[in-house]
N, C-alpha and C. Protein backbone atom coordinates (compact mmCIF):
# COMPACT_ATOMS: atom_id res chain seq x y z
N MET A 1 0.86 -1.20 0.01
CA MET A 1 0.00 0.03 -0.02
C MET A 1 0.91 1.28 0.02
N THR A 2 0.58 2.19 -0.80
CA THR A 2 1.34 3.35 -0.95
C THR A 2 0.94 4.37 0.21
N ASN A 3 1.80 5.38 0.37
CA ASN A 3 1.52 6.40 1.38
C ASN A 3 0.25 7.20 0.96
N ALA A 4 0.08 7.37 -0.36
CA ALA A 4 -1.17 8.02 -0.82
C ALA A 4 -2.45 7.24 -0.53
N GLN A 5 -2.35 5.96 -0.79
CA GLN A 5 -3.53 5.21 -0.40
C GLN A 5 -3.78 5.15 1.08
N ALA A 6 -2.78 5.00 1.84
CA ALA A 6 -2.95 5.01 3.20
C ALA A 6 -3.64 6.26 3.78
N LYS A 7 -3.11 7.38 3.30
CA LYS A 7 -3.68 8.75 3.65
C LYS A 7 -5.18 8.80 3.15
N SER A 8 -5.59 8.31 2.13
CA SER A 8 -6.90 8.28 1.51
C SER A 8 -7.74 7.50 2.46
N ILE A 9 -7.31 6.29 2.81
CA ILE A 9 -8.18 5.43 3.69
C ILE A 9 -8.28 6.20 5.13
N SER A 10 -7.22 6.76 5.58
CA SER A 10 -7.21 7.37 6.86
C SER A 10 -8.22 8.71 6.83
N GLY A 11 -8.21 9.30 5.69
CA GLY A 11 -9.24 10.54 5.61
C GLY A 11 -10.63 9.97 5.57
N THR A 12 -10.89 8.86 4.81
CA THR A 12 -12.24 8.29 4.80
C THR A 12 -12.65 7.89 6.13
N ILE A 13 -11.75 7.23 6.91
CA ILE A 13 -12.20 6.78 8.30
C ILE A 13 -12.48 7.98 9.18
N SER A 14 -11.69 9.07 9.11
CA SER A 14 -11.92 10.34 9.82
C SER A 14 -13.19 10.85 9.52
N THR A 15 -13.52 11.04 8.20
CA THR A 15 -14.72 11.53 7.78
C THR A 15 -16.04 10.67 8.35
N ALA A 16 -15.84 9.41 8.35
CA ALA A 16 -16.92 8.53 8.71
C ALA A 16 -17.14 8.62 10.37
N GLN A 17 -15.95 8.85 11.07
CA GLN A 17 -16.08 9.04 12.48
C GLN A 17 -16.68 10.34 12.87
N SER A 18 -16.45 11.44 12.00
CA SER A 18 -17.03 12.73 12.22
C SER A 18 -18.49 12.61 12.03
N HIS A 19 -18.99 11.88 10.98
CA HIS A 19 -20.31 11.74 10.73
C HIS A 19 -21.01 11.15 11.90
N ALA A 20 -20.36 9.95 12.45
CA ALA A 20 -21.05 9.35 13.50
C ALA A 20 -21.10 10.12 14.78
N LYS A 21 -20.07 10.99 15.02
CA LYS A 21 -20.08 11.86 16.18
C LYS A 21 -21.27 12.92 15.96
N ALA A 22 -21.44 13.34 14.84
CA ALA A 22 -22.43 14.41 14.61
C ALA A 22 -23.81 13.87 14.82
N GLN A 23 -23.99 12.48 14.39
CA GLN A 23 -25.25 11.91 14.55
C GLN A 23 -25.66 11.70 16.03
N VAL A 24 -24.66 11.28 16.83
CA VAL A 24 -24.81 11.09 18.20
C VAL A 24 -25.18 12.39 18.86
N ASN A 25 -24.44 13.48 18.45
CA ASN A 25 -24.66 14.72 19.11
C ASN A 25 -26.10 15.27 18.79
N GLU A 26 -26.68 14.78 17.78
CA GLU A 26 -28.06 15.28 17.40
C GLU A 26 -29.09 14.65 18.19
N LEU A 27 -28.82 13.61 18.99
CA LEU A 27 -29.81 12.93 19.84
C LEU A 27 -30.14 13.76 21.05
N VAL A 28 -31.33 13.93 21.31
CA VAL A 28 -31.91 14.66 22.42
C VAL A 28 -32.77 13.82 23.24
N LEU A 29 -32.68 13.94 24.57
CA LEU A 29 -33.52 13.07 25.46
C LEU A 29 -34.48 13.94 26.00
N GLU A 30 -35.75 13.48 26.19
CA GLU A 30 -36.74 14.21 26.87
C GLU A 30 -37.12 13.37 28.02
N ILE A 31 -37.16 14.11 29.24
CA ILE A 31 -37.34 13.43 30.52
C ILE A 31 -38.76 13.78 31.01
N LEU A 32 -39.46 12.71 31.46
CA LEU A 32 -40.85 12.85 31.96
C LEU A 32 -40.82 12.46 33.39
N LEU A 33 -41.45 13.33 34.32
CA LEU A 33 -41.53 12.91 35.79
C LEU A 33 -42.68 12.01 35.91
N LEU A 34 -42.41 10.83 36.55
CA LEU A 34 -43.39 9.88 36.88
C LEU A 34 -43.56 9.78 38.27
N GLU A 35 -44.76 10.18 38.94
CA GLU A 35 -44.93 10.31 40.38
C GLU A 35 -45.79 9.13 40.80
N GLU A 36 -46.70 8.72 40.05
CA GLU A 36 -47.62 7.70 40.46
C GLU A 36 -47.46 6.43 39.68
N ALA A 37 -47.82 5.26 40.40
CA ALA A 37 -47.71 4.08 39.87
C ALA A 37 -48.54 3.97 38.50
N GLU A 38 -49.69 4.62 38.41
CA GLU A 38 -50.43 4.68 37.15
C GLU A 38 -49.75 5.38 36.03
N GLU A 39 -48.98 6.42 36.36
CA GLU A 39 -48.24 7.11 35.29
C GLU A 39 -47.08 6.18 34.84
N MET A 40 -46.46 5.45 35.78
CA MET A 40 -45.39 4.61 35.35
C MET A 40 -45.91 3.48 34.46
N ALA A 41 -47.13 3.01 34.83
CA ALA A 41 -47.73 1.88 34.00
C ALA A 41 -48.07 2.54 32.62
N PHE A 42 -48.57 3.73 32.54
CA PHE A 42 -48.92 4.39 31.29
C PHE A 42 -47.64 4.48 30.43
N CYS A 43 -46.60 4.91 31.04
CA CYS A 43 -45.33 5.20 30.40
C CYS A 43 -44.83 3.85 29.89
N ALA A 44 -44.89 2.82 30.62
CA ALA A 44 -44.35 1.43 30.09
C ALA A 44 -45.21 1.02 28.89
N GLU A 45 -46.56 1.24 28.90
CA GLU A 45 -47.41 0.92 27.65
C GLU A 45 -47.04 1.84 26.57
N THR A 46 -46.88 3.08 26.79
CA THR A 46 -46.53 4.02 25.76
C THR A 46 -45.19 3.72 25.14
N LEU A 47 -44.29 3.43 26.05
CA LEU A 47 -42.86 3.04 25.59
C LEU A 47 -42.80 1.90 24.60
N LYS A 48 -43.69 0.95 24.72
CA LYS A 48 -43.76 -0.22 23.83
C LYS A 48 -44.10 0.39 22.38
N GLU A 49 -44.96 1.36 22.37
CA GLU A 49 -45.39 1.87 21.02
C GLU A 49 -44.23 2.90 20.45
N VAL A 50 -43.72 3.58 21.30
CA VAL A 50 -42.71 4.58 20.97
C VAL A 50 -41.42 3.86 20.42
N CYS A 51 -41.04 2.85 21.16
CA CYS A 51 -39.74 2.11 20.87
C CYS A 51 -39.85 1.10 19.79
N LYS A 52 -40.92 0.88 19.12
CA LYS A 52 -41.04 -0.09 17.93
C LYS A 52 -39.95 0.13 16.94
N PRO A 53 -39.64 1.45 16.47
CA PRO A 53 -38.70 1.55 15.53
C PRO A 53 -37.33 1.11 15.89
N VAL A 54 -37.04 1.14 17.23
CA VAL A 54 -35.68 0.74 17.59
C VAL A 54 -35.65 -0.51 18.43
N GLU A 55 -36.56 -1.42 18.12
CA GLU A 55 -36.57 -2.65 18.89
C GLU A 55 -35.34 -3.47 18.74
N ASP A 56 -34.59 -3.38 17.67
CA ASP A 56 -33.44 -4.25 17.57
C ASP A 56 -32.30 -3.71 18.51
N CYS A 57 -32.33 -2.40 18.90
CA CYS A 57 -31.30 -1.85 19.86
C CYS A 57 -31.89 -1.49 21.12
N HIS A 58 -33.07 -2.05 21.57
CA HIS A 58 -33.64 -1.61 22.84
C HIS A 58 -32.83 -1.86 24.03
N HIS A 59 -31.90 -2.85 23.81
CA HIS A 59 -30.99 -3.12 25.00
C HIS A 59 -29.94 -2.12 25.21
N LEU A 60 -29.76 -1.28 24.26
CA LEU A 60 -28.70 -0.12 24.35
C LEU A 60 -29.31 1.18 24.94
N LEU A 61 -30.63 1.27 24.93
CA LEU A 61 -31.24 2.62 25.46
C LEU A 61 -31.58 2.52 26.93
N MET A 62 -31.09 3.49 27.61
CA MET A 62 -31.57 3.72 29.01
C MET A 62 -32.88 4.31 29.00
N ASN A 63 -33.91 4.00 29.65
CA ASN A 63 -35.23 4.49 29.53
C ASN A 63 -35.82 5.08 30.83
N THR A 64 -35.07 4.83 32.02
CA THR A 64 -35.54 5.27 33.25
C THR A 64 -34.38 5.87 34.11
N LEU A 65 -34.76 6.87 34.75
CA LEU A 65 -33.78 7.62 35.61
C LEU A 65 -34.52 7.68 36.94
N ILE A 66 -33.66 7.21 38.06
CA ILE A 66 -34.24 7.37 39.36
C ILE A 66 -33.15 8.20 40.20
N ILE A 67 -33.75 9.29 40.63
CA ILE A 67 -32.95 10.18 41.53
C ILE A 67 -33.30 9.95 42.96
N SER A 68 -32.22 9.47 43.77
CA SER A 68 -32.51 9.11 45.09
C SER A 68 -31.66 9.71 46.18
N THR A 69 -32.29 10.10 47.28
CA THR A 69 -31.48 10.66 48.34
C THR A 69 -31.62 9.61 49.45
N PHE A 70 -30.58 9.47 50.39
CA PHE A 70 -30.54 8.43 51.36
C PHE A 70 -29.59 8.92 52.43
N SER A 71 -29.63 8.18 53.70
CA SER A 71 -28.85 8.53 54.75
C SER A 71 -27.57 7.57 54.81
N CYS A 72 -27.63 6.53 54.23
CA CYS A 72 -26.52 5.66 54.31
C CYS A 72 -25.48 6.14 53.23
N THR A 73 -24.28 5.41 53.30
CA THR A 73 -23.23 5.80 52.33
C THR A 73 -23.64 5.56 50.92
N PHE A 74 -22.99 6.30 49.93
CA PHE A 74 -23.20 5.86 48.54
C PHE A 74 -22.93 4.39 48.23
N GLU A 75 -21.71 4.04 48.75
CA GLU A 75 -21.37 2.63 48.51
C GLU A 75 -22.31 1.64 49.00
N SER A 76 -22.90 1.86 50.25
CA SER A 76 -23.84 0.89 50.75
C SER A 76 -25.04 1.00 49.93
N PHE A 77 -25.55 2.10 49.47
CA PHE A 77 -26.68 2.35 48.66
C PHE A 77 -26.51 1.51 47.26
N GLU A 78 -25.46 1.75 46.61
CA GLU A 78 -25.16 1.11 45.39
C GLU A 78 -25.11 -0.38 45.47
N LYS A 79 -24.45 -0.89 46.58
CA LYS A 79 -24.41 -2.36 46.76
C LYS A 79 -25.79 -2.98 46.99
N ASP A 80 -26.56 -2.37 47.90
CA ASP A 80 -27.96 -2.83 48.21
C ASP A 80 -28.87 -2.79 46.94
N VAL A 81 -28.96 -1.66 46.36
CA VAL A 81 -29.79 -1.50 45.24
C VAL A 81 -29.33 -2.39 44.02
N SER A 82 -28.04 -2.46 43.79
CA SER A 82 -27.53 -3.46 42.74
C SER A 82 -28.09 -4.89 43.05
N GLY A 83 -28.07 -5.34 44.38
CA GLY A 83 -28.69 -6.53 44.77
C GLY A 83 -30.08 -6.72 44.47
N PHE A 84 -30.88 -5.66 44.68
CA PHE A 84 -32.30 -5.68 44.36
C PHE A 84 -32.49 -5.83 42.85
N ILE A 85 -31.66 -5.09 42.06
CA ILE A 85 -31.80 -5.08 40.51
C ILE A 85 -31.34 -6.46 40.01
N ASN A 86 -30.29 -6.98 40.50
CA ASN A 86 -29.85 -8.27 40.02
C ASN A 86 -30.81 -9.41 40.43
N ASP A 87 -31.45 -9.37 41.73
CA ASP A 87 -32.52 -10.22 42.00
C ASP A 87 -33.65 -10.25 41.03
N MET A 88 -34.07 -9.06 40.44
CA MET A 88 -35.21 -8.98 39.48
C MET A 88 -34.89 -9.78 38.32
N GLY A 89 -33.54 -9.71 37.85
CA GLY A 89 -33.13 -10.42 36.72
C GLY A 89 -33.05 -9.49 35.39
N LYS A 90 -32.35 -9.98 34.37
CA LYS A 90 -32.04 -9.22 33.18
C LYS A 90 -33.44 -9.02 32.40
N GLU A 91 -34.38 -9.89 32.62
CA GLU A 91 -35.72 -9.79 31.88
C GLU A 91 -36.50 -8.46 32.42
N VAL A 92 -36.12 -8.07 33.61
CA VAL A 92 -36.80 -6.84 34.19
C VAL A 92 -35.91 -5.60 33.86
N VAL A 93 -34.66 -5.68 34.31
CA VAL A 93 -33.67 -4.57 34.01
C VAL A 93 -32.48 -5.11 33.29
N SER A 94 -32.32 -4.74 32.04
CA SER A 94 -31.27 -5.31 31.25
C SER A 94 -29.84 -4.69 31.50
N ASP A 95 -29.88 -3.44 31.89
CA ASP A 95 -28.71 -2.68 32.07
C ASP A 95 -28.91 -1.52 33.09
N TYR A 96 -27.98 -1.11 33.91
CA TYR A 96 -28.09 0.03 34.74
C TYR A 96 -26.69 0.61 35.02
N GLU A 97 -26.75 1.84 35.60
CA GLU A 97 -25.47 2.60 35.80
C GLU A 97 -25.87 3.59 36.88
N PHE A 98 -24.98 3.61 37.94
CA PHE A 98 -25.06 4.54 38.97
C PHE A 98 -24.24 5.66 38.80
N VAL A 99 -24.70 6.85 39.03
CA VAL A 99 -23.88 8.09 38.96
C VAL A 99 -23.90 8.74 40.46
N LYS A 100 -22.79 8.83 41.01
CA LYS A 100 -22.72 9.43 42.40
C LYS A 100 -22.74 10.90 42.38
N VAL A 101 -23.76 11.53 42.80
CA VAL A 101 -23.87 13.01 42.94
C VAL A 101 -23.16 13.47 44.02
N ASN A 102 -23.30 12.81 45.33
CA ASN A 102 -22.56 13.16 46.44
C ASN A 102 -22.76 11.88 47.51
N ASP A 103 -22.30 11.99 48.63
CA ASP A 103 -22.38 10.77 49.47
C ASP A 103 -23.68 10.34 49.82
N HIS A 104 -24.83 11.13 49.54
CA HIS A 104 -26.14 10.76 49.92
C HIS A 104 -27.12 11.02 48.78
N LYS A 105 -26.65 11.07 47.60
CA LYS A 105 -27.50 11.31 46.41
C LYS A 105 -26.92 10.46 45.24
N SER A 106 -27.84 9.90 44.56
CA SER A 106 -27.53 9.04 43.38
C SER A 106 -28.50 9.30 42.18
N HIS A 107 -27.91 9.21 41.07
CA HIS A 107 -28.71 9.05 39.77
C HIS A 107 -28.58 7.73 39.20
N LEU A 108 -29.65 6.97 39.12
CA LEU A 108 -29.51 5.65 38.59
C LEU A 108 -30.21 5.61 37.19
N LEU A 109 -29.51 5.30 36.18
CA LEU A 109 -29.86 5.13 34.85
C LEU A 109 -30.21 3.59 34.59
N MET A 110 -31.38 3.27 34.10
CA MET A 110 -31.65 1.84 33.89
C MET A 110 -32.43 1.77 32.54
N ASN A 111 -32.17 0.54 31.90
CA ASN A 111 -32.88 0.14 30.80
C ASN A 111 -33.92 -0.88 31.38
N VAL A 112 -35.17 -0.43 31.66
CA VAL A 112 -36.26 -1.30 32.19
C VAL A 112 -37.06 -1.90 31.15
N LEU A 113 -37.11 -3.25 31.14
CA LEU A 113 -37.91 -3.98 30.17
C LEU A 113 -39.21 -4.29 30.60
N ASP A 114 -39.38 -4.49 31.95
CA ASP A 114 -40.66 -4.82 32.50
C ASP A 114 -40.96 -3.85 33.62
N MET A 115 -41.72 -2.66 33.30
CA MET A 115 -42.03 -1.70 34.26
C MET A 115 -42.94 -2.08 35.40
N ASP A 116 -43.82 -2.99 35.08
CA ASP A 116 -44.62 -3.48 36.05
C ASP A 116 -43.85 -4.23 37.19
N ALA A 117 -42.94 -5.04 36.67
CA ALA A 117 -42.15 -5.80 37.73
C ALA A 117 -41.28 -4.91 38.64
N LEU A 118 -40.69 -3.81 38.01
CA LEU A 118 -40.03 -2.81 38.66
C LEU A 118 -40.96 -2.21 39.71
N CYS A 119 -42.03 -1.67 39.29
CA CYS A 119 -43.03 -1.06 40.21
C CYS A 119 -43.39 -1.97 41.39
N THR A 120 -43.57 -3.17 41.13
CA THR A 120 -43.81 -4.15 42.18
C THR A 120 -42.78 -4.36 43.13
N GLU A 121 -41.45 -4.39 42.65
CA GLU A 121 -40.27 -4.44 43.56
C GLU A 121 -40.15 -3.20 44.33
N MET A 122 -40.38 -2.07 43.71
CA MET A 122 -40.04 -0.79 44.37
C MET A 122 -41.14 -0.47 45.49
N THR A 123 -42.36 -1.14 45.38
CA THR A 123 -43.41 -0.92 46.32
C THR A 123 -43.62 -2.05 47.18
N SER A 124 -42.71 -3.02 47.17
CA SER A 124 -42.74 -4.22 48.14
C SER A 124 -42.52 -3.81 49.46
N ASP A 125 -42.90 -4.66 50.34
CA ASP A 125 -42.56 -4.42 51.82
C ASP A 125 -41.09 -4.27 52.18
N LYS A 126 -40.37 -5.29 51.45
CA LYS A 126 -38.85 -5.26 51.63
C LYS A 126 -38.27 -3.94 51.17
N ALA A 127 -38.72 -3.36 50.14
CA ALA A 127 -38.12 -2.12 49.59
C ALA A 127 -38.63 -0.92 50.52
N LYS A 128 -39.91 -1.03 50.90
CA LYS A 128 -40.35 0.05 51.78
C LYS A 128 -39.58 0.06 53.09
N GLU A 129 -39.35 -1.13 53.64
CA GLU A 129 -38.52 -1.15 54.91
C GLU A 129 -37.09 -0.73 54.68
N TRP A 130 -36.53 -1.09 53.64
CA TRP A 130 -35.13 -0.52 53.24
C TRP A 130 -35.15 0.97 53.11
N ASP A 131 -36.15 1.49 52.41
CA ASP A 131 -36.25 2.94 52.15
C ASP A 131 -36.40 3.57 53.53
N LYS A 132 -37.22 3.11 54.44
CA LYS A 132 -37.46 3.71 55.78
C LYS A 132 -36.17 3.69 56.63
N ALA A 133 -35.56 2.61 56.74
CA ALA A 133 -34.31 2.36 57.38
C ALA A 133 -33.13 3.27 56.96
N ASN A 134 -33.16 3.62 55.74
CA ASN A 134 -32.02 4.43 55.07
C ASN A 134 -32.51 5.78 54.56
N ASN A 135 -33.74 6.19 55.12
CA ASN A 135 -34.30 7.53 54.77
C ASN A 135 -34.25 7.78 53.22
N CYS A 136 -34.54 6.69 52.47
CA CYS A 136 -34.39 6.88 51.03
C CYS A 136 -35.74 7.50 50.41
N GLU A 137 -35.51 8.39 49.52
CA GLU A 137 -36.49 8.95 48.81
C GLU A 137 -36.19 8.88 47.24
N ASP A 138 -37.11 8.35 46.49
CA ASP A 138 -36.82 8.15 45.08
C ASP A 138 -37.68 9.00 44.14
N THR A 139 -37.22 9.63 43.22
CA THR A 139 -38.07 10.31 42.12
C THR A 139 -37.77 9.56 40.83
N VAL A 140 -38.81 9.03 40.19
CA VAL A 140 -38.65 8.20 39.02
C VAL A 140 -39.02 8.94 37.69
N TYR A 141 -38.16 8.98 36.77
CA TYR A 141 -38.38 9.63 35.43
C TYR A 141 -38.34 8.62 34.47
N GLY A 142 -39.17 8.78 33.36
CA GLY A 142 -39.13 8.07 32.14
C GLY A 142 -38.26 8.88 31.25
N ILE A 143 -37.32 8.24 30.45
CA ILE A 143 -36.46 8.99 29.52
C ILE A 143 -36.97 8.46 28.17
N GLU A 144 -37.22 9.31 27.36
CA GLU A 144 -37.81 9.02 25.87
C GLU A 144 -36.82 9.64 24.82
N LEU A 145 -36.35 8.91 24.05
CA LEU A 145 -35.54 9.34 22.82
C LEU A 145 -36.34 10.36 21.86
N VAL A 146 -35.91 11.57 21.73
CA VAL A 146 -36.48 12.43 20.83
C VAL A 146 -35.67 12.51 19.54
N GLU A 147 -36.30 12.25 18.38
CA GLU A 147 -35.67 12.23 17.15
C GLU A 147 -35.98 13.53 16.32
C-alpha cells in the first residue's frame, strides 16, 4: 500500500467518525416525571409503542432515571440497590448505571424491560422497609428518545 492510499483510507475513516459523532450529538432526550404507579404503567405501555422503530437496539437505550437521596453511604446504597436489581433479573432491568452525585444522592440510569415488575419491587414491603431504614426517597423519571 502506498502512502497516498494510506492517507486516503485514513481520511475516509476520519470523515466516517466525524459523521457518527455528529449523529450522536443530534440525539436529544426528553425526561418525563413519573410520580404515581399509574403514570409509570402508562409510560411502560406508551414506551412499547414509541420504541417499536428501535426494537433491535432496545437493550442499548436507558429509559428510566431514578434520583435518590438516602442517609446511608453511597457505597452501601449502590451495593444494596444493585442486589435488588440483580435479584429481579435481566428480563426486568437489562442494564443499569449509578452516578454518584454526592455521599447521599445518586442518579440511577436503567434500561427497564418490565416496568410492572420494577413497580412491584419498588413498592414491596422489603423495599419500603429498606427505604425507611435508610431515609431513602426516590423520584422516578421516564426517558424518551426524541428524534
